[in-house]
Amino acid sequence: MQQIGFSELQVHCIIGLNDSERNEKQMIIMDLSINTEEYIDYVECASICTRIAEEGHFLLMETLGHEIIKALLLKWPLAGKIALTLKKPLALPNTAYAFVRVEK
């Protein structure tokens, strides 16, 4: 078993419940790890994550996370555990970021 992934991928997208979040793109930061026995290209993983975030309009980070994991499993159905953390730096005052961690 091996683990591949990346840390601190920055993507700008429409995400959130508030009107201001629905009108302007904001930065989210992604960390991904995949346990696998097969070859998985982390560059392609980052591209899939970026495309889904930038092309979609999500109310919740949880929804974005599940959509990304679903797309990764379509591309690599034999992948083992996938863990994706989405961080939203401007979500809460006096914090570095709010985050959601989605695992499959």
PDB file of N, CA and C in Angstrom:
ATOM      1  N   MET A   1       0.861  -1.182   0.000  1.00  0.00           N
ATOM      2  CA  MET A   1       0.000   0.000   0.000  1.00  0.00           C
ATOM      3  C   MET A   1       0.896   1.230   0.000  1.00  0.00           C
ATOM      4  N   GLN A   2       0.509   2.213  -0.755  1.00  0.00           N
ATOM      5  CA  GLN A   2       1.202   3.492  -0.796  1.00  0.00           C
ATOM      6  C   GLN A   2       0.190   4.605  -0.635  1.00  0.00           C
ATOM      7  N   GLN A   3       0.670   5.778  -0.346  1.00  0.00           N
ATOM      8  CA  GLN A   3      -0.213   6.931  -0.192  1.00  0.00           C
ATOM      9  C   GLN A   3       0.295   8.040  -1.095  1.00  0.00           C
ATOM     10  N   ILE A   4      -0.629   8.641  -1.843  1.00  0.00           N
ATOM     11  CA  ILE A   4      -0.287   9.791  -2.684  1.00  0.00           C
ATOM     12  C   ILE A   4      -1.204  10.942  -2.290  1.00  0.00           C
ATOM     13  N   GLY A   5      -0.853  12.128  -2.719  1.00  0.00           N
ATOM     14  CA  GLY A   5      -1.719  13.264  -2.445  1.00  0.00           C
ATOM     15  C   GLY A   5      -0.993  14.577  -2.594  1.00  0.00           C
ATOM     16  N   PHE A   6      -1.590  15.605  -2.031  1.00  0.00           N
ATOM     17  CA  PHE A   6      -1.001  16.935  -2.053  1.00  0.00           C
ATOM     18  C   PHE A   6      -1.522  17.720  -0.858  1.00  0.00           C
ATOM     19  N   SER A   7      -0.863  18.837  -0.625  1.00  0.00           N
ATOM     20  CA  SER A   7      -1.219  19.685   0.507  1.00  0.00           C
ATOM     21  C   SER A   7      -1.281  21.141   0.057  1.00  0.00           C
ATOM     22  N   GLU A   8      -2.262  21.857   0.559  1.00  0.00           N
ATOM     23  CA  GLU A   8      -2.368  23.308   0.358  1.00  0.00           C
ATOM     24  C   GLU A   8      -2.631  23.736  -1.086  1.00  0.00           C
ATOM     25  N   LEU A   9      -3.422  22.957  -1.839  1.00  0.00           N
ATOM     26  CA  LEU A   9      -3.833  23.376  -3.180  1.00  0.00           C
ATOM     27  C   LEU A   9      -4.826  24.529  -3.036  1.00  0.00           C
ATOM     28  N   GLN A  10      -4.517  25.671  -3.634  1.00  0.00           N
ATOM     29  CA  GLN A  10      -5.381  26.845  -3.540  1.00  0.00           C
ATOM     30  C   GLN A  10      -6.265  26.952  -4.781  1.00  0.00           C
ATOM     31  N   VAL A  11      -7.562  27.086  -4.529  1.00  0.00           N
ATOM     32  CA  VAL A  11      -8.550  27.172  -5.601  1.00  0.00           C
ATOM     33  C   VAL A  11      -9.521  28.299  -5.271  1.00  0.00           C
ATOM     34  N   HIS A  12      -9.919  29.060  -6.272  1.00  0.00           N
ATOM     35  CA  HIS A  12     -10.915  30.121  -6.080  1.00  0.00           C
ATOM     36  C   HIS A  12     -12.236  29.665  -6.689  1.00  0.00           C
ATOM     37  N   CYS A  13     -13.294  29.736  -5.874  1.00  0.00           N
ATOM     38  CA  CYS A  13     -14.580  29.226  -6.336  1.00  0.00           C
ATOM     39  C   CYS A  13     -15.734  29.917  -5.603  1.00  0.00           C
ATOM     40  N   ILE A  14     -16.930  29.665  -6.100  1.00  0.00           N
ATOM     41  CA  ILE A  14     -18.151  30.133  -5.446  1.00  0.00           C
ATOM     42  C   ILE A  14     -18.572  29.044  -4.472  1.00  0.00           C
ATOM     43  N   ILE A  15     -18.553  29.380  -3.176  1.00  0.00           N
ATOM     44  CA  ILE A  15     -18.944  28.405  -2.168  1.00  0.00           C
ATOM     45  C   ILE A  15     -19.414  29.138  -0.918  1.00  0.00           C
ATOM     46  N   GLY A  16     -20.565  28.734  -0.412  1.00  0.00           N
ATOM     47  CA  GLY A  16     -21.076  29.334   0.808  1.00  0.00           C
ATOM     48  C   GLY A  16     -22.567  29.618   0.731  1.00  0.00           C
ATOM     49  N   LEU A  17     -23.118  29.949   1.876  1.00  0.00           N
ATOM     50  CA  LEU A  17     -24.553  30.205   2.001  1.00  0.00           C
ATOM     51  C   LEU A  17     -24.916  31.685   1.923  1.00  0.00           C
ATOM     52  N   ASN A  18     -24.015  32.559   2.347  1.00  0.00           N
ATOM     53  CA  ASN A  18     -24.304  33.994   2.399  1.00  0.00           C
ATOM     54  C   ASN A  18     -24.286  34.615   1.005  1.00  0.00           C
ATOM     55  N   ASP A  19     -25.061  35.699   0.836  1.00  0.00           N
ATOM     56  CA  ASP A  19     -25.124  36.374  -0.462  1.00  0.00           C
ATOM     57  C   ASP A  19     -23.745  36.795  -0.956  1.00  0.00           C
ATOM     58  N   SER A  20     -22.916  37.319  -0.063  1.00  0.00           N
ATOM     59  CA  SER A  20     -21.584  37.760  -0.489  1.00  0.00           C
ATOM     60  C   SER A  20     -20.751  36.577  -0.985  1.00  0.00           C
ATOM     61  N   GLU A  21     -20.940  35.411  -0.398  1.00  0.00           N
ATOM     62  CA  GLU A  21     -20.207  34.226  -0.833  1.00  0.00           C
ATOM     63  C   GLU A  21     -20.732  33.692  -2.158  1.00  0.00           C
ATOM     64  N   ARG A  22     -21.968  33.968  -2.469  1.00  0.00           N
ATOM     65  CA  ARG A  22     -22.584  33.468  -3.697  1.00  0.00           C
ATOM     66  C   ARG A  22     -22.244  34.333  -4.903  1.00  0.00           C
ATOM     67  N   ASN A  23     -21.749  35.552  -4.649  1.00  0.00           N
ATOM     68  CA  ASN A  23     -21.474  36.490  -5.740  1.00  0.00           C
ATOM     69  C   ASN A  23     -20.004  36.637  -6.087  1.00  0.00           C
ATOM     70  N   GLU A  24     -19.123  36.323  -5.153  1.00  0.00           N
ATOM     71  CA  GLU A  24     -17.695  36.495  -5.395  1.00  0.00           C
ATOM     72  C   GLU A  24     -16.946  35.216  -5.089  1.00  0.00           C
ATOM     73  N   LYS A  25     -15.989  34.896  -5.946  1.00  0.00           N
ATOM     74  CA  LYS A  25     -15.163  33.726  -5.693  1.00  0.00           C
ATOM     75  C   LYS A  25     -14.309  33.975  -4.456  1.00  0.00           C
ATOM     76  N   GLN A  26     -14.094  32.912  -3.715  1.00  0.00           N
ATOM     77  CA  GLN A  26     -13.201  32.997  -2.573  1.00  0.00           C
ATOM     78  C   GLN A  26     -12.246  31.812  -2.595  1.00  0.00           C
ATOM     79  N   MET A  27     -11.145  31.959  -1.893  1.00  0.00           N
ATOM     80  CA  MET A  27     -10.146  30.911  -1.892  1.00  0.00           C
ATOM     81  C   MET A  27     -10.510  29.820  -0.889  1.00  0.00           C
ATOM     82  N   ILE A  28     -10.359  28.588  -1.342  1.00  0.00           N
ATOM     83  CA  ILE A  28     -10.363  27.452  -0.435  1.00  0.00           C
ATOM     84  C   ILE A  28      -9.042  26.719  -0.637  1.00  0.00           C
ATOM     85  N   ILE A  29      -8.635  25.997   0.370  1.00  0.00           N
ATOM     86  CA  ILE A  29      -7.369  25.272   0.331  1.00  0.00           C
ATOM     87  C   ILE A  29      -7.682  23.793   0.527  1.00  0.00           C
ATOM     88  N   MET A  30      -7.096  22.952  -0.312  1.00  0.00           N
ATOM     89  CA  MET A  30      -7.383  21.514  -0.275  1.00  0.00           C
ATOM     90  C   MET A  30      -6.148  20.710   0.074  1.00  0.00           C
ATOM     91  N   ASP A  31      -6.357  19.701   0.923  1.00  0.00           N
ATOM     92  CA  ASP A  31      -5.354  18.672   1.207  1.00  0.00           C
ATOM     93  C   ASP A  31      -5.992  17.340   0.842  1.00  0.00           C
ATOM     94  N   LEU A  32      -5.264  16.518   0.104  1.00  0.00           N
ATOM     95  CA  LEU A  32      -5.797  15.233  -0.353  1.00  0.00           C
ATOM     96  C   LEU A  32      -4.800  14.126  -0.069  1.00  0.00           C
ATOM     97  N   SER A  33      -5.308  12.991   0.397  1.00  0.00           N
ATOM     98  CA  SER A  33      -4.474  11.798   0.480  1.00  0.00           C
ATOM     99  C   SER A  33      -5.297  10.597   0.032  1.00  0.00           C
ATOM    100  N   ILE A  34      -4.645   9.723  -0.714  1.00  0.00           N
ATOM    101  CA  ILE A  34      -5.292   8.514  -1.229  1.00  0.00           C
ATOM    102  C   ILE A  34      -4.373   7.330  -0.936  1.00  0.00           C
ATOM    103  N   ASN A  35      -4.909   6.327  -0.255  1.00  0.00           N
ATOM    104  CA  ASN A  35      -4.202   5.059  -0.080  1.00  0.00           C
ATOM    105  C   ASN A  35      -4.522   4.198  -1.285  1.00  0.00           C
ATOM    106  N   THR A  36      -3.498   3.633  -1.906  1.00  0.00           N
ATOM    107  CA  THR A  36      -3.738   2.908  -3.150  1.00  0.00           C
ATOM    108  C   THR A  36      -2.679   1.848  -3.409  1.00  0.00           C
ATOM    109  N   GLU A  37      -3.073   0.860  -4.151  1.00  0.00           N
ATOM    110  CA  GLU A  37      -2.143  -0.160  -4.652  1.00  0.00           C
ATOM    111  C   GLU A  37      -1.788   0.128  -6.111  1.00  0.00           C
ATOM    112  N   GLU A  38      -2.565   0.994  -6.761  1.00  0.00           N
ATOM    113  CA  GLU A  38      -2.355   1.286  -8.177  1.00  0.00           C
ATOM    114  C   GLU A  38      -1.701   2.655  -8.358  1.00  0.00           C
ATOM    115  N   TYR A  39      -1.225   2.902  -9.569  1.00  0.00           N
ATOM    116  CA  TYR A  39      -0.645   4.197  -9.900  1.00  0.00           C
ATOM    117  C   TYR A  39      -1.763   5.224 -10.019  1.00  0.00           C
ATOM    118  N   ILE A  40      -1.650   6.298  -9.288  1.00  0.00           N
ATOM    119  CA  ILE A  40      -2.582   7.421  -9.387  1.00  0.00           C
ATOM    120  C   ILE A  40      -1.737   8.680  -9.548  1.00  0.00           C
ATOM    121  N   ASP A  41      -2.059   9.461 -10.542  1.00  0.00           N
ATOM    122  CA  ASP A  41      -1.309  10.677 -10.861  1.00  0.00           C
ATOM    123  C   ASP A  41      -1.811  11.832  -9.989  1.00  0.00           C
ATOM    124  N   TYR A  42      -0.975  12.315  -9.079  1.00  0.00           N
ATOM    125  CA  TYR A  42      -1.415  13.396  -8.190  1.00  0.00           C
ATOM    126  C   TYR A  42      -1.623  14.702  -8.944  1.00  0.00           C
ATOM    127  N   VAL A  43      -0.951  14.878 -10.075  1.00  0.00           N
ATOM    128  CA  VAL A  43      -1.185  16.067 -10.898  1.00  0.00           C
ATOM    129  C   VAL A  43      -2.608  16.027 -11.461  1.00  0.00           C
ATOM    130  N   GLU A  44      -3.022  14.870 -11.930  1.00  0.00           N
ATOM    131  CA  GLU A  44      -4.381  14.726 -12.449  1.00  0.00           C
ATOM    132  C   GLU A  44      -5.407  14.859 -11.328  1.00  0.00           C
ATOM    133  N   CYS A  45      -5.082  14.361 -10.142  1.00  0.00           N
ATOM    134  CA  CYS A  45      -5.972  14.532  -8.981  1.00  0.00           C
ATOM    135  C   CYS A  45      -6.191  16.017  -8.695  1.00  0.00           C
ATOM    136  N   ALA A  46      -5.103  16.778  -8.687  1.00  0.00           N
ATOM    137  CA  ALA A  46      -5.211  18.219  -8.429  1.00  0.00           C
ATOM    138  C   ALA A  46      -6.032  18.912  -9.505  1.00  0.00           C
ATOM    139  N   SER A  47      -5.869  18.484 -10.746  1.00  0.00           N
ATOM    140  CA  SER A  47      -6.627  19.055 -11.853  1.00  0.00           C
ATOM    141  C   SER A  47      -8.126  18.768 -11.695  1.00  0.00           C
ATOM    142  N   ILE A  48      -8.466  17.554 -11.312  1.00  0.00           N
ATOM    143  CA  ILE A  48      -9.879  17.187 -11.107  1.00  0.00           C
ATOM    144  C   ILE A  48     -10.464  18.015  -9.968  1.00  0.00           C
ATOM    145  N   CYS A  49      -9.736  18.132  -8.872  1.00  0.00           N
ATOM    146  CA  CYS A  49     -10.217  18.912  -7.723  1.00  0.00           C
ATOM    147  C   CYS A  49     -10.448  20.373  -8.107  1.00  0.00           C
ATOM    148  N   THR A  50      -9.503  20.934  -8.832  1.00  0.00           N
ATOM    149  CA  THR A  50      -9.604  22.337  -9.257  1.00  0.00           C
ATOM    150  C   THR A  50     -10.789  22.541 -10.190  1.00  0.00           C
ATOM    151  N   ARG A  51     -10.925  21.666 -11.183  1.00  0.00           N
ATOM    152  CA  ARG A  51     -12.011  21.799 -12.160  1.00  0.00           C
ATOM    153  C   ARG A  51     -13.375  21.745 -11.482  1.00  0.00           C
ATOM    154  N   ILE A  52     -13.579  20.781 -10.616  1.00  0.00           N
ATOM    155  CA  ILE A  52     -14.883  20.632  -9.964  1.00  0.00           C
ATOM    156  C   ILE A  52     -15.195  21.856  -9.112  1.00  0.00           C
ATOM    157  N   ALA A  53     -14.215  22.342  -8.361  1.00  0.00           N
ATOM    158  CA  ALA A  53     -14.444  23.517  -7.510  1.00  0.00           C
ATOM    159  C   ALA A  53     -14.722  24.769  -8.340  1.00  0.00           C
ATOM    160  N   GLU A  54     -13.928  24.986  -9.379  1.00  0.00           N
ATOM    161  CA  GLU A  54     -14.072  26.211 -10.168  1.00  0.00           C
ATOM    162  C   GLU A  54     -15.328  26.224 -11.030  1.00  0.00           C
ATOM    163  N   GLU A  55     -15.753  25.063 -11.513  1.00  0.00           N
ATOM    164  CA  GLU A  55     -16.917  25.010 -12.396  1.00  0.00           C
ATOM    165  C   GLU A  55     -18.239  24.942 -11.633  1.00  0.00           C
ATOM    166  N   GLY A  56     -18.200  24.529 -10.394  1.00  0.00           N
ATOM    167  CA  GLY A  56     -19.423  24.381  -9.618  1.00  0.00           C
ATOM    168  C   GLY A  56     -19.742  25.611  -8.790  1.00  0.00           C
ATOM    169  N   HIS A  57     -20.936  25.618  -8.253  1.00  0.00           N
ATOM    170  CA  HIS A  57     -21.386  26.633  -7.307  1.00  0.00           C
ATOM    171  C   HIS A  57     -21.988  25.858  -6.140  1.00  0.00           C
ATOM    172  N   PHE A  58     -21.269  25.796  -5.043  1.00  0.00           N
ATOM    173  CA  PHE A  58     -21.667  24.944  -3.934  1.00  0.00           C
ATOM    174  C   PHE A  58     -22.086  25.774  -2.730  1.00  0.00           C
ATOM    175  N   LEU A  59     -23.127  25.316  -2.051  1.00  0.00           N
ATOM    176  CA  LEU A  59     -23.544  25.964  -0.816  1.00  0.00           C
ATOM    177  C   LEU A  59     -22.672  25.515   0.352  1.00  0.00           C
ATOM    178  N   LEU A  60     -22.282  24.248   0.343  1.00  0.00           N
ATOM    179  CA  LEU A  60     -21.544  23.677   1.457  1.00  0.00           C
ATOM    180  C   LEU A  60     -20.217  23.086   1.000  1.00  0.00           C
ATOM    181  N   MET A  61     -19.207  23.204   1.844  1.00  0.00           N
ATOM    182  CA  MET A  61     -17.925  22.565   1.551  1.00  0.00           C
ATOM    183  C   MET A  61     -18.080  21.046   1.551  1.00  0.00           C
ATOM    184  N   GLU A  62     -19.001  20.532   2.365  1.00  0.00           N
ATOM    185  CA  GLU A  62     -19.243  19.092   2.412  1.00  0.00           C
ATOM    186  C   GLU A  62     -19.684  18.564   1.050  1.00  0.00           C
ATOM    187  N   THR A  63     -20.550  19.299   0.395  1.00  0.00           N
ATOM    188  CA  THR A  63     -21.041  18.900  -0.924  1.00  0.00           C
ATOM    189  C   THR A  63     -19.899  18.891  -1.933  1.00  0.00           C
ATOM    190  N   LEU A  64     -19.091  19.930  -1.922  1.00  0.00           N
ATOM    191  CA  LEU A  64     -17.931  19.983  -2.812  1.00  0.00           C
ATOM    192  C   LEU A  64     -17.016  18.790  -2.540  1.00  0.00           C
ATOM    193  N   GLY A  65     -16.749  18.501  -1.288  1.00  0.00           N
ATOM    194  CA  GLY A  65     -15.882  17.378  -0.942  1.00  0.00           C
ATOM    195  C   GLY A  65     -16.396  16.053  -1.463  1.00  0.00           C
ATOM    196  N   HIS A  66     -17.695  15.808  -1.296  1.00  0.00           N
ATOM    197  CA  HIS A  66     -18.276  14.552  -1.777  1.00  0.00           C
ATOM    198  C   HIS A  66     -18.236  14.463  -3.300  1.00  0.00           C
ATOM    199  N   GLU A  67     -18.459  15.578  -3.992  1.00  0.00           N
ATOM    200  CA  GLU A  67     -18.390  15.579  -5.461  1.00  0.00           C
ATOM    201  C   GLU A  67     -16.971  15.280  -5.949  1.00  0.00           C
ATOM    202  N   ILE A  68     -15.988  15.835  -5.281  1.00  0.00           N
ATOM    203  CA  ILE A  68     -14.603  15.573  -5.667  1.00  0.00           C
ATOM    204  C   ILE A  68     -14.257  14.106  -5.459  1.00  0.00           C
ATOM    205  N   ILE A  69     -14.613  13.567  -4.305  1.00  0.00           N
ATOM    206  CA  ILE A  69     -14.309  12.161  -4.034  1.00  0.00           C
ATOM    207  C   ILE A  69     -15.021  11.249  -5.024  1.00  0.00           C
ATOM    208  N   LYS A  70     -16.255  11.573  -5.348  1.00  0.00           N
ATOM    209  CA  LYS A  70     -16.993  10.783  -6.338  1.00  0.00           C
ATOM    210  C   LYS A  70     -16.269  10.781  -7.687  1.00  0.00           C
ATOM    211  N   ALA A  71     -15.781  11.926  -8.111  1.00  0.00           N
ATOM    212  CA  ALA A  71     -15.064  12.018  -9.389  1.00  0.00           C
ATOM    213  C   ALA A  71     -13.740  11.248  -9.342  1.00  0.00           C
ATOM    214  N   LEU A  72     -13.045  11.315  -8.225  1.00  0.00           N
ATOM    215  CA  LEU A  72     -11.783  10.586  -8.101  1.00  0.00           C
ATOM    216  C   LEU A  72     -12.021   9.080  -8.144  1.00  0.00           C
ATOM    217  N   LEU A  73     -13.096   8.625  -7.513  1.00  0.00           N
ATOM    218  CA  LEU A  73     -13.400   7.188  -7.534  1.00  0.00           C
ATOM    219  C   LEU A  73     -13.884   6.716  -8.905  1.00  0.00           C
ATOM    220  N   LEU A  74     -14.507   7.599  -9.669  1.00  0.00           N
ATOM    221  CA  LEU A  74     -14.866   7.240 -11.049  1.00  0.00           C
ATOM    222  C   LEU A  74     -13.598   7.038 -11.882  1.00  0.00           C
ATOM    223  N   LYS A  75     -12.612   7.880 -11.671  1.00  0.00           N
ATOM    224  CA  LYS A  75     -11.354   7.796 -12.424  1.00  0.00           C
ATOM    225  C   LYS A  75     -10.502   6.620 -11.954  1.00  0.00           C
ATOM    226  N   TRP A  76     -10.462   6.396 -10.630  1.00  0.00           N
ATOM    227  CA  TRP A  76      -9.637   5.337 -10.051  1.00  0.00           C
ATOM    228  C   TRP A  76     -10.502   4.494  -9.094  1.00  0.00           C
ATOM    229  N   PRO A  77     -11.328   3.605  -9.639  1.00  0.00           N
ATOM    230  CA  PRO A  77     -12.268   2.845  -8.804  1.00  0.00           C
ATOM    231  C   PRO A  77     -11.598   1.904  -7.797  1.00  0.00           C
ATOM    232  N   LEU A  78     -10.341   1.568  -8.000  1.00  0.00           N
ATOM    233  CA  LEU A  78      -9.649   0.671  -7.078  1.00  0.00           C
ATOM    234  C   LEU A  78      -8.912   1.420  -5.968  1.00  0.00           C
ATOM    235  N   ALA A  79      -9.062   2.739  -5.930  1.00  0.00           N
ATOM    236  CA  ALA A  79      -8.411   3.522  -4.880  1.00  0.00           C
ATOM    237  C   ALA A  79      -8.930   3.071  -3.518  1.00  0.00           C
ATOM    238  N   GLY A  80      -8.050   3.100  -2.556  1.00  0.00           N
ATOM    239  CA  GLY A  80      -8.443   2.765  -1.192  1.00  0.00           C
ATOM    240  C   GLY A  80      -9.036   3.993  -0.517  1.00  0.00           C
ATOM    241  N   LYS A  81      -8.685   4.188   0.727  1.00  0.00           N
ATOM    242  CA  LYS A  81      -9.216   5.311   1.501  1.00  0.00           C
ATOM    243  C   LYS A  81      -8.792   6.638   0.877  1.00  0.00           C
ATOM    244  N   ILE A  82      -9.768   7.518   0.715  1.00  0.00           N
ATOM    245  CA  ILE A  82      -9.524   8.882   0.232  1.00  0.00           C
ATOM    246  C   ILE A  82      -9.923   9.837   1.348  1.00  0.00           C
ATOM    247  N   ALA A  83      -9.032  10.750   1.674  1.00  0.00           N
ATOM    248  CA  ALA A  83      -9.324  11.780   2.676  1.00  0.00           C
ATOM    249  C   ALA A  83      -9.071  13.141   2.044  1.00  0.00           C
ATOM    250  N   LEU A  84     -10.071  13.990   2.105  1.00  0.00           N
ATOM    251  CA  LEU A  84      -9.992  15.329   1.524  1.00  0.00           C
ATOM    252  C   LEU A  84     -10.369  16.342   2.594  1.00  0.00           C
ATOM    253  N   THR A  85      -9.476  17.289   2.830  1.00  0.00           N
ATOM    254  CA  THR A  85      -9.761  18.378   3.762  1.00  0.00           C
ATOM    255  C   THR A  85      -9.882  19.664   2.963  1.00  0.00           C
ATOM    256  N   LEU A  86     -10.987  20.375   3.172  1.00  0.00           N
ATOM    257  CA  LEU A  86     -11.233  21.662   2.529  1.00  0.00           C
ATOM    258  C   LEU A  86     -11.176  22.736   3.610  1.00  0.00           C
ATOM    259  N   LYS A  87     -10.345  23.748   3.388  1.00  0.00           N
ATOM    260  CA  LYS A  87     -10.165  24.827   4.367  1.00  0.00           C
ATOM    261  C   LYS A  87     -10.648  26.130   3.756  1.00  0.00           C
ATOM    262  N   LYS A  88     -11.355  26.894   4.572  1.00  0.00           N
ATOM    263  CA  LYS A  88     -11.901  28.172   4.119  1.00  0.00           C
ATOM    264  C   LYS A  88     -11.320  29.265   5.027  1.00  0.00           C
ATOM    265  N   PRO A  89     -10.265  29.946   4.558  1.00  0.00           N
ATOM    266  CA  PRO A  89      -9.548  30.887   5.419  1.00  0.00           C
ATOM    267  C   PRO A  89     -10.362  32.073   5.942  1.00  0.00           C
ATOM    268  N   LEU A  90     -11.323  32.549   5.216  1.00  0.00           N
ATOM    269  CA  LEU A  90     -12.049  33.753   5.635  1.00  0.00           C
ATOM    270  C   LEU A  90     -13.407  33.459   6.266  1.00  0.00           C
ATOM    271  N   ALA A  91     -13.660  32.222   6.623  1.00  0.00           N
ATOM    272  CA  ALA A  91     -14.989  31.847   7.117  1.00  0.00           C
ATOM    273  C   ALA A  91     -15.282  32.343   8.528  1.00  0.00           C
ATOM    274  N   LEU A  92     -14.282  32.314   9.384  1.00  0.00           N
ATOM    275  CA  LEU A  92     -14.485  32.699  10.786  1.00  0.00           C
ATOM    276  C   LEU A  92     -13.443  33.726  11.207  1.00  0.00           C
ATOM    277  N   PRO A  93     -13.891  34.785  11.863  1.00  0.00           N
ATOM    278  CA  PRO A  93     -12.904  35.748  12.356  1.00  0.00           C
ATOM    279  C   PRO A  93     -12.059  35.112  13.464  1.00  0.00           C
ATOM    280  N   ASN A  94     -10.836  35.578  13.590  1.00  0.00           N
ATOM    281  CA  ASN A  94      -9.916  35.145  14.648  1.00  0.00           C
ATOM    282  C   ASN A  94      -9.518  33.677  14.544  1.00  0.00           C
ATOM    283  N   THR A  95      -9.607  33.099  13.344  1.00  0.00           N
ATOM    284  CA  THR A  95      -9.143  31.728  13.117  1.00  0.00           C
ATOM    285  C   THR A  95      -8.313  31.704  11.838  1.00  0.00           C
ATOM    286  N   ALA A  96      -7.483  30.693  11.734  1.00  0.00           N
ATOM    287  CA  ALA A  96      -6.723  30.527  10.489  1.00  0.00           C
ATOM    288  C   ALA A  96      -7.658  30.094   9.367  1.00  0.00           C
ATOM    289  N   TYR A  97      -8.593  29.201   9.691  1.00  0.00           N
ATOM    290  CA  TYR A  97      -9.564  28.727   8.708  1.00  0.00           C
ATOM    291  C   TYR A  97     -10.596  27.840   9.389  1.00  0.00           C
ATOM    292  N   ALA A  98     -11.744  27.712   8.725  1.00  0.00           N
ATOM    293  CA  ALA A  98     -12.722  26.675   9.062  1.00  0.00           C
ATOM    294  C   ALA A  98     -12.444  25.524   8.111  1.00  0.00           C
ATOM    295  N   PHE A  99     -12.771  24.295   8.514  1.00  0.00           N
ATOM    296  CA  PHE A  99     -12.490  23.196   7.614  1.00  0.00           C
ATOM    297  C   PHE A  99     -13.549  22.113   7.684  1.00  0.00           C
ATOM    298  N   VAL A 100     -13.583  21.325   6.609  1.00  0.00           N
ATOM    299  CA  VAL A 100     -14.409  20.127   6.511  1.00  0.00           C
ATOM    300  C   VAL A 100     -13.490  19.027   6.022  1.00  0.00           C
ATOM    301  N   ARG A 101     -13.581  17.862   6.646  1.00  0.00           N
ATOM    302  CA  ARG A 101     -12.803  16.690   6.198  1.00  0.00           C
ATOM    303  C   ARG A 101     -13.796  15.620   5.779  1.00  0.00           C
ATOM    304  N   VAL A 102     -13.640  15.162   4.532  1.00  0.00           N
ATOM    305  CA  VAL A 102     -14.508  14.153   3.961  1.00  0.00           C
ATOM    306  C   VAL A 102     -13.652  12.925   3.651  1.00  0.00           C
ATOM    307  N   GLU A 103     -14.132  11.762   4.060  1.00  0.00           N
ATOM    308  CA  GLU A 103     -13.391  10.520   3.808  1.00  0.00           C
ATOM    309  C   GLU A 103     -14.317   9.492   3.177  1.00  0.00           C
ATOM    310  N   LYS A 104     -13.729   8.662   2.345  1.00  0.00           N
ATOM    311  CA  LYS A 104     -14.478   7.585   1.711  1.00  0.00           C
ATOM    312  C   LYS A 104     -13.598   6.370   1.656  1.00  0.00           C
TER     313      LYS A 104
END
